[in-house]
Amino acid sequence: METTSKGRLTQPLIRENGAHRHATWDEALDRVAQAFQQQVKKHGPNTFGMFSCSKTTNELNYAAQKFVRTVIGTNNIDSCNRT
């Protein structure tokens, strides 16, 4: 039994000079972290927001709000728990 679709990505791609190239997970995550840091420095932490899902676990929602509040530095997090 095949566990993945033939068209599914199995490793990160990074765009350079208009083309994509394969990258390691560490490189891709480092790039995301650097981009987040640049935007927070340029526009402030309230430029970010996060929306979490009520269908996930309490632990994942807790981790999401902890990340946004402690790493990014904003309280802009919401979910659809009220519905």
Protein backbone atom coordinates (compact mmCIF):
# COMPACT_ATOMS: atom_id res chain seq x y z
CA MET A 1 0.00 0.00 0.00
CA GLU A 2 1.36 3.42 -0.98
CA THR A 3 1.33 5.90 1.89
CA THR A 4 1.90 9.11 -0.08
CA SER A 5 0.57 10.64 -3.24
CA LYS A 6 2.99 10.76 -6.17
CA GLY A 7 2.59 14.56 -6.34
CA ARG A 8 3.11 15.16 -2.62
CA LEU A 9 6.20 17.07 -1.50
CA THR A 10 8.42 15.07 0.82
CA GLN A 11 11.08 17.69 1.50
CA PRO A 12 11.12 21.49 1.60
CA LEU A 13 11.66 23.65 -1.45
CA ILE A 14 13.28 27.09 -1.34
CA ARG A 15 12.76 29.68 -4.04
CA GLU A 16 15.96 31.27 -5.33
CA ASN A 17 16.20 33.45 -8.42
CA GLY A 18 12.67 32.51 -9.46
CA ALA A 19 13.27 28.75 -9.28
CA HIS A 20 12.76 26.17 -6.55
CA ARG A 21 15.48 23.96 -5.14
CA HIS A 22 15.43 21.21 -2.56
CA ALA A 23 16.57 22.14 0.95
CA THR A 24 17.03 20.48 4.30
CA TRP A 25 14.41 20.92 7.00
CA ASP A 26 16.91 22.86 9.11
CA GLU A 27 17.62 25.30 6.28
CA ALA A 28 13.92 25.81 5.54
CA LEU A 29 12.99 26.36 9.20
CA ASP A 30 15.94 28.73 9.68
CA ARG A 31 14.73 30.80 6.73
CA VAL A 32 11.22 30.99 8.14
CA ALA A 33 12.54 32.00 11.58
CA GLN A 34 14.76 34.69 10.04
CA ALA A 35 11.86 36.07 7.98
CA PHE A 36 9.63 36.20 11.07
CA GLN A 37 12.36 38.02 13.01
CA GLN A 38 12.87 40.53 10.19
CA GLN A 39 9.17 41.34 10.00
CA VAL A 40 8.85 41.72 13.78
CA LYS A 41 11.87 44.03 13.78
CA LYS A 42 10.53 46.06 10.83
CA HIS A 43 6.82 46.26 11.72
CA GLY A 44 6.56 45.19 15.38
CA PRO A 45 5.10 41.99 16.84
CA ASN A 46 1.48 43.00 16.27
CA THR A 47 2.02 42.57 12.54
CA PHE A 48 1.51 38.84 13.21
CA GLY A 49 -1.59 36.95 14.16
CA MET A 50 -2.49 33.31 14.47
CA PHE A 51 -5.72 31.42 14.11
CA SER A 52 -5.91 28.02 15.76
CA CYS A 53 -8.51 25.31 15.34
CA SER A 54 -10.99 24.08 17.92
CA LYS A 55 -10.82 20.59 16.41
CA THR A 56 -7.22 20.09 17.48
CA THR A 57 -6.08 19.13 20.96
CA ASN A 58 -5.89 21.51 23.89
CA GLU A 59 -2.15 20.84 23.98
CA LEU A 60 -1.65 22.01 20.39
CA ASN A 61 -3.77 25.11 20.97
CA TYR A 62 -1.75 25.83 24.11
CA ALA A 63 1.53 25.44 22.19
CA ALA A 64 0.24 27.78 19.46
CA GLN A 65 -0.75 30.52 21.89
CA LYS A 66 2.50 30.09 23.83
CA PHE A 67 4.51 30.47 20.61
CA VAL A 68 2.66 33.60 19.49
CA ARG A 69 2.85 35.25 22.90
CA THR A 70 6.41 34.36 23.91
CA VAL A 71 8.32 34.01 20.63
CA ILE A 72 6.53 36.56 18.44
CA GLY A 73 5.44 38.82 21.30
CA THR A 74 1.81 39.45 20.40
CA ASN A 75 -1.55 38.48 21.84
CA ASN A 76 -3.10 38.29 18.36
CA ILE A 77 -4.36 34.72 18.54
CA ASP A 78 -7.88 33.47 18.10
CA SER A 79 -9.74 30.28 17.36
CA CYS A 80 -13.20 29.11 16.47
CA ASN A 81 -13.80 27.60 19.92
CA ARG A 82 -16.85 29.82 20.42
CA THR A 83 -18.84 28.31 17.58
